């Protein structure tokens, strides 16, 4: 799959390399980032209008959101069954967003803009699904863990440290 300055995404057959389908951006903006999920959702981002579009593999437009940032990282996160659970995005402003697949709405976000590491360039999730990894301008990888997981670990540590106290 490739994105182009002619405002289209080209989807190719992996074995023979032939063009299967071409998807056109609704706003006729150049394509800067593309991603495809295991269950065939196609994500398209343009820096021109800071849009994020969701298509099915047949080219039907499913959702749109204005991300108000130039995205540098776009990742579909799938469950063990192969269905996309959510989408991770990160942009030049340093905002990491976890989005729902069907409407691209933000579930939660983390602002890394003031962390002193420069711009964020990539985003992924650990194999366990417990952490989000963000590649930064200065070469560091920031690790964001699930808040619920952190709270469980902290409660466990507190219960061990304060054993015997009421």
Protein backbone atom coordinates (compact mmCIF):
# COMPACT_ATOMS: atom_id res chain seq x y z
CA UNK A 1 0.00 0.00 0.00
CA UNK A 2 1.35 3.41 -0.93
CA UNK A 3 0.22 6.99 -0.48
CA UNK A 4 0.80 9.65 -3.09
CA UNK A 5 0.92 13.38 -3.71
CA UNK A 6 -1.89 12.85 -6.24
CA UNK A 7 -4.26 12.40 -3.25
CA UNK A 8 -4.64 8.63 -3.67
CA UNK A 9 -3.73 5.42 -1.90
CA UNK A 10 -2.76 2.49 -4.10
CA UNK A 11 -3.30 -1.03 -2.79
CA UNK A 12 -1.20 -3.71 -4.49
CA UNK A 13 -1.23 -7.50 -4.49
CA UNK A 14 1.72 -8.67 -2.37
CA UNK A 15 2.57 -11.68 -4.53
CA UNK A 16 2.36 -10.27 -8.06
CA UNK A 17 2.60 -6.56 -7.25
CA UNK A 18 -0.37 -5.65 -9.44
CA UNK A 19 -2.66 -2.75 -8.53
CA UNK A 20 -5.83 -3.98 -6.84
CA UNK A 21 -7.51 -0.72 -5.89
CA UNK A 22 -6.97 3.01 -5.75
CA UNK A 23 -8.64 5.06 -2.98
CA UNK A 24 -8.99 8.83 -3.34
CA UNK A 25 -8.91 11.20 -0.36
CA UNK A 26 -12.29 12.98 -0.07
CA UNK A 27 -10.69 16.42 0.49
CA UNK A 28 -8.15 15.99 -2.33
CA UNK A 29 -5.22 16.38 0.04
CA UNK A 30 -1.82 14.75 -0.48
CA UNK A 31 -1.31 11.48 1.39
CA UNK A 32 1.51 11.53 3.96
CA UNK A 33 0.83 8.39 6.02
CA UNK A 34 -1.09 5.17 5.45
CA UNK A 35 -1.73 2.06 7.51
CA UNK A 36 -3.75 -1.09 7.00
CA UNK A 37 -5.16 -3.22 9.76
CA UNK A 38 -5.35 -7.03 9.90
CA UNK A 39 -9.10 -6.79 9.32
CA UNK A 40 -8.65 -4.55 6.25
CA UNK A 41 -9.31 -1.06 7.57
CA UNK A 42 -7.29 1.52 5.64
CA UNK A 43 -6.15 4.66 7.48
CA UNK A 44 -5.04 7.71 5.51
CA UNK A 45 -3.49 10.90 6.91
CA UNK A 46 -2.65 14.17 5.22
CA UNK A 47 -0.47 16.95 6.63
CA UNK A 48 -2.16 19.40 4.24
CA UNK A 49 -5.49 19.47 6.10
CA UNK A 50 -4.42 17.48 9.19
CA UNK A 51 -7.12 14.90 8.50
CA UNK A 52 -7.35 11.22 9.34
CA UNK A 53 -9.70 9.11 7.21
CA UNK A 54 -10.86 5.52 7.64
CA UNK A 55 -11.84 3.39 4.64
CA UNK A 56 -12.72 -0.24 4.21
CA UNK A 57 -10.64 -2.29 1.77
CA UNK A 58 -13.24 -1.69 -0.95
CA UNK A 59 -12.68 2.06 -0.74
CA UNK A 60 -15.85 3.03 1.12
CA UNK A 61 -15.27 6.03 3.37
CA UNK A 62 -16.20 5.07 6.95
CA UNK A 63 -15.02 7.92 9.19
CA UNK A 64 -13.11 11.18 9.33
CA UNK A 65 -11.53 13.23 12.10
CA UNK A 66 -9.50 16.44 12.13
CA UNK A 67 -6.45 15.56 14.24
CA UNK A 68 -5.16 19.17 14.34
CA UNK A 69 -1.58 17.92 13.99
CA UNK A 70 0.79 16.47 11.41
CA UNK A 71 0.91 12.79 12.32
CA UNK A 72 4.31 11.10 12.34
CA UNK A 73 3.14 7.72 13.62
CA UNK A 74 0.07 5.68 12.79
CA UNK A 75 -0.50 2.14 14.07
CA UNK A 76 -3.41 -0.32 14.08
CA UNK A 77 -3.42 -2.48 17.19
CA UNK A 78 -5.08 -5.87 16.81
CA UNK A 79 -6.31 -8.42 19.29
CA UNK A 80 -5.11 -12.01 19.25
CA UNK A 81 -8.11 -12.86 17.04
CA UNK A 82 -6.86 -10.39 14.40
CA UNK A 83 -9.62 -7.80 14.77
CA UNK A 84 -8.45 -4.22 15.18
CA UNK A 85 -9.07 -3.05 18.73
CA UNK A 86 -7.82 0.51 18.45
CA UNK A 87 -5.59 2.91 16.55
CA UNK A 88 -2.54 4.73 17.92
CA UNK A 89 -1.48 8.08 16.51
CA UNK A 90 1.33 10.48 17.39
CA UNK A 91 2.08 13.85 15.85
CA UNK A 92 4.68 16.60 15.73
CA UNK A 93 3.05 18.30 18.72
CA UNK A 94 3.82 15.20 20.82
CA UNK A 95 0.25 14.10 21.46
CA UNK A 96 -0.20 10.32 21.56
CA UNK A 97 -3.85 9.40 20.99
CA UNK A 98 -5.60 6.07 21.38
CA UNK A 99 -8.59 6.06 19.01
CA UNK A 100 -11.60 3.82 18.43
CA UNK A 101 -11.61 2.10 15.06
CA UNK A 102 -15.19 2.64 13.91
CA UNK A 103 -15.37 6.44 14.38
CA UNK A 104 -11.73 7.49 15.10
CA UNK A 105 -12.84 9.16 18.34
CA UNK A 106 -10.13 9.65 20.96
CA UNK A 107 -10.39 7.23 23.89
CA UNK A 108 -7.45 8.71 25.78
CA UNK A 109 -4.37 10.77 25.02
CA UNK A 110 -0.93 11.51 26.46
CA UNK A 111 0.82 14.83 25.87
CA UNK A 112 4.57 14.28 25.45
CA UNK A 113 5.22 17.76 24.03
CA UNK A 114 6.89 19.10 27.18
CA UNK A 115 9.02 16.06 27.98
CA UNK A 116 12.19 17.64 26.50
CA UNK A 117 12.86 14.87 23.98
CA UNK A 118 11.94 16.79 20.81
CA UNK A 119 9.34 15.57 18.35
CA UNK A 120 7.77 12.12 18.37
CA UNK A 121 8.41 10.07 15.22
CA UNK A 122 6.79 6.68 15.70
CA UNK A 123 4.37 4.79 17.90
CA UNK A 124 3.68 1.11 18.56
CA UNK A 125 2.46 -1.15 21.32
CA UNK A 126 4.31 -3.89 23.20
CA UNK A 127 3.52 -7.55 22.48
CA UNK A 128 1.75 -7.84 25.82
CA UNK A 129 -0.42 -4.82 25.04
CA UNK A 130 0.53 -3.30 28.40
CA UNK A 131 2.71 -0.46 27.06
CA UNK A 132 2.77 2.11 24.29
CA UNK A 133 6.25 2.83 22.89
CA UNK A 134 7.02 6.21 21.33
CA UNK A 135 10.22 6.93 19.37
CA UNK A 136 11.48 10.46 20.02
CA UNK A 137 13.69 12.95 18.17
CA UNK A 138 16.61 12.50 20.57
CA UNK A 139 16.72 8.73 19.97
CA UNK A 140 14.97 7.77 23.18
CA UNK A 141 11.95 5.51 23.38
CA UNK A 142 9.32 6.62 25.86
CA UNK A 143 7.24 3.87 27.45
CA UNK A 144 3.66 4.60 28.48
CA UNK A 145 2.01 1.89 30.54
CA UNK A 146 -1.71 1.36 30.95
CA UNK A 147 -2.92 3.50 33.88
CA UNK A 148 -5.03 0.62 35.27
CA UNK A 149 -1.98 -1.65 35.20
CA UNK A 150 0.09 0.98 37.04
CA UNK A 151 -2.62 1.42 39.68
CA UNK A 152 -2.83 -2.34 40.23
CA UNK A 153 0.96 -2.57 40.63
CA UNK A 154 1.02 0.43 42.99
CA UNK A 155 -1.83 -1.00 45.12
CA UNK A 156 0.02 -4.30 45.33
CA UNK A 157 3.23 -2.55 46.45
CA UNK A 158 1.37 -0.44 49.00
CA UNK A 159 -0.36 -3.50 50.45
CA UNK A 160 3.05 -5.16 50.90
CA UNK A 161 4.67 -2.05 52.40
CA UNK A 162 1.89 -1.29 54.86
CA UNK A 163 1.18 -4.86 56.00
CA UNK A 164 0.04 -4.83 59.61
CA UNK A 165 -1.28 -1.26 59.52
CA UNK A 166 -4.98 -0.51 59.43
